[in-house]
Amino acid sequence: MHVREIHPEDRAQWELLWQGYLDFYNVPDLAPEITEKTWSRFLDPAEPVHALVAEADGVLLGLVHYIFHRNTWCLEDVCYLEDLFTAPPARGRGVGRVLIEAVYAKAQEKKVSRVYWLTHETNKTAQALYDKVAARSGFIQYRKNF
């Protein structure tokens, strides 16, 4: 297994992973134009949104999306790891860990001050990994959708 930047020819396999991620979080009705825009952002070098994939033998095993952005608490940018998903047949093989570590490496290259992410409080499987590779911040997220 190796981790690499996403390529245009990955679109079909990425969409399967992306849909699996959306299904996991019970998001059945994401507008197609959002998926299209998200995909185009990965391929635009001017965008701060990035995607990596874990691959073995030509098959994508997982994805991670991350964003570099400014922050009011430090001089350096920070990195938000927004989406992380491993295909069900590849779970338990370390895919999630290598994708997180790959984001860490990208963040260190960009000299950001931290990588952070959220997960749902019911996602205990993911939390078992996250507790090994990062520290819980203790923050609770609030949101208002428009």
Protein backbone atom coordinates (compact mmCIF):
# COMPACT_ATOMS: atom_id res chain seq x y z
CA MET A 1 0.00 0.00 0.00
CA HIS A 2 1.20 3.49 -0.73
CA VAL A 3 -0.27 6.98 -0.34
CA ARG A 4 -0.23 9.51 -3.15
CA GLU A 5 -1.89 12.65 -4.45
CA ILE A 6 -5.18 12.09 -6.20
CA HIS A 7 -5.09 11.99 -10.03
CA PRO A 8 -7.80 12.83 -12.58
CA GLU A 9 -8.04 9.16 -13.56
CA ASP A 10 -9.00 8.28 -9.96
CA ARG A 11 -12.45 9.87 -10.33
CA ALA A 12 -14.54 6.68 -10.56
CA GLN A 13 -12.84 4.95 -7.63
CA TRP A 14 -12.80 8.15 -5.59
CA GLU A 15 -16.55 8.58 -6.14
CA LEU A 16 -17.17 5.09 -4.75
CA LEU A 17 -15.14 5.93 -1.64
CA TRP A 18 -16.77 9.36 -1.36
CA GLN A 19 -20.24 7.82 -1.56
CA GLY A 20 -19.24 5.27 1.08
CA TYR A 21 -18.14 8.12 3.34
CA LEU A 22 -21.40 10.00 2.77
CA ASP A 23 -23.40 6.83 3.43
CA PHE A 24 -21.45 6.22 6.66
CA TYR A 25 -22.52 9.65 7.90
CA ASN A 26 -26.08 9.27 6.56
CA VAL A 27 -25.80 12.01 3.94
CA PRO A 28 -27.85 10.51 1.09
CA ASP A 29 -28.75 13.74 -0.68
CA LEU A 30 -25.55 15.71 -1.19
CA ALA A 31 -26.12 17.77 -4.31
CA PRO A 32 -24.14 16.50 -7.32
CA GLU A 33 -22.74 19.98 -7.92
CA ILE A 34 -21.07 19.86 -4.50
CA THR A 35 -19.31 16.61 -5.40
CA GLU A 36 -18.32 18.09 -8.76
CA LYS A 37 -16.93 21.26 -7.18
CA THR A 38 -15.11 19.28 -4.50
CA TRP A 39 -13.47 17.11 -7.15
CA SER A 40 -12.42 20.13 -9.23
CA ARG A 41 -10.85 21.76 -6.17
CA PHE A 42 -8.52 18.79 -5.66
CA LEU A 43 -7.12 19.28 -9.14
CA ASP A 44 -6.75 23.07 -8.96
CA PRO A 45 -3.27 24.07 -7.69
CA ALA A 46 -4.64 27.44 -6.55
CA GLU A 47 -7.03 25.78 -4.11
CA PRO A 48 -6.12 25.10 -0.44
CA VAL A 49 -8.21 21.87 -0.59
CA HIS A 50 -6.23 18.66 -1.18
CA ALA A 51 -6.82 14.93 -1.48
CA LEU A 52 -4.61 11.91 -0.93
CA VAL A 53 -5.49 8.29 -1.55
CA ALA A 54 -4.15 5.00 -0.28
CA GLU A 55 -3.68 2.55 -3.12
CA ALA A 56 -2.66 -1.08 -3.51
CA ASP A 57 -2.46 -2.91 -6.83
CA GLY A 58 -4.36 -0.14 -8.63
CA VAL A 59 -7.25 -0.17 -6.16
CA LEU A 60 -8.02 2.83 -3.96
CA LEU A 61 -8.35 1.67 -0.36
CA GLY A 62 -9.06 5.01 1.28
CA LEU A 63 -9.14 8.76 0.95
CA VAL A 64 -8.30 11.80 2.99
CA HIS A 65 -9.23 15.41 2.23
CA TYR A 66 -7.50 18.29 3.99
CA ILE A 67 -7.43 22.07 3.89
CA PHE A 68 -4.73 24.57 4.81
CA HIS A 69 -6.09 27.81 6.24
CA ARG A 70 -5.27 30.87 8.32
CA ASN A 71 -5.90 30.91 12.04
CA THR A 72 -6.35 33.70 14.56
CA TRP A 73 -4.33 32.01 17.32
CA CYS A 74 -1.02 31.58 15.52
CA LEU A 75 1.11 33.05 12.76
CA GLU A 76 1.33 29.86 10.75
CA ASP A 77 -1.49 28.27 8.81
CA VAL A 78 -3.22 25.21 10.25
CA CYS A 79 -4.47 22.08 8.54
CA TYR A 80 -8.01 20.78 8.85
CA LEU A 81 -8.31 17.09 8.04
CA GLU A 82 -11.88 17.20 6.80
CA ASP A 83 -12.70 13.74 5.46
CA LEU A 84 -11.12 10.35 6.12
CA PHE A 85 -12.55 7.09 4.83
CA THR A 86 -11.33 3.53 4.37
CA ALA A 87 -13.16 1.09 2.10
CA PRO A 88 -14.82 -1.59 4.27
CA PRO A 89 -12.76 -4.49 2.81
CA ALA A 90 -9.53 -2.62 3.67
CA ARG A 91 -10.38 -1.81 7.28
CA GLY A 92 -8.03 -3.06 9.95
CA ARG A 93 -5.02 -2.86 7.62
CA GLY A 94 -3.70 0.51 8.79
CA VAL A 95 -5.12 2.58 5.94
CA GLY A 96 -6.52 5.30 8.19
CA ARG A 97 -3.27 5.62 10.09
CA VAL A 98 -1.11 5.95 6.96
CA LEU A 99 -3.47 8.55 5.52
CA ILE A 100 -3.35 10.60 8.74
CA GLU A 101 0.43 10.31 8.81
CA ALA A 102 0.57 11.43 5.18
CA VAL A 103 -1.42 14.55 6.08
CA TYR A 104 0.99 15.13 8.96
CA ALA A 105 3.88 14.98 6.48
CA LYS A 106 2.17 17.45 4.12
CA ALA A 107 1.50 19.76 7.07
CA GLN A 108 5.12 19.62 8.16
CA GLU A 109 6.24 20.43 4.60
CA LYS A 110 3.98 23.52 4.69
CA LYS A 111 5.24 24.39 8.18
CA VAL A 112 1.76 24.64 9.67
CA SER A 113 1.34 24.75 13.43
CA ARG A 114 -1.18 21.90 13.77
CA VAL A 115 -3.46 19.38 12.13
CA TYR A 116 -6.94 18.97 13.58
CA TRP A 117 -10.16 17.16 12.76
CA LEU A 118 -13.60 16.22 14.05
CA THR A 119 -15.41 12.92 14.30
CA HIS A 120 -18.86 11.96 15.38
CA GLU A 121 -19.20 11.01 19.03
CA THR A 122 -20.59 7.60 18.01
CA ASN A 123 -17.63 6.72 15.79
CA LYS A 124 -15.83 4.70 18.46
CA THR A 125 -13.78 2.65 15.98
CA ALA A 126 -12.20 5.77 14.52
CA GLN A 127 -11.69 7.26 17.96
CA ALA A 128 -9.63 4.23 18.98
CA LEU A 129 -7.18 5.12 16.19
CA TYR A 130 -7.36 8.88 16.75
CA ASP A 131 -6.51 8.48 20.43
CA LYS A 132 -3.24 6.82 19.33
CA VAL A 133 -2.18 9.44 16.77
CA ALA A 134 -3.40 12.73 18.28
CA ALA A 135 -4.67 14.38 21.46
CA ARG A 136 -8.31 15.18 22.11
CA SER A 137 -8.79 18.93 22.37
CA GLY A 138 -11.85 18.82 24.60
CA PHE A 139 -13.76 21.21 22.35
CA ILE A 140 -17.38 20.60 21.43
CA GLN A 141 -18.57 21.74 18.02
CA TYR A 142 -21.63 23.94 17.57
CA ARG A 143 -23.07 24.82 14.18
CA LYS A 144 -25.87 26.64 12.49
CA ASN A 145 -26.59 25.73 8.92
CA PHE A 146 -27.93 28.25 6.40
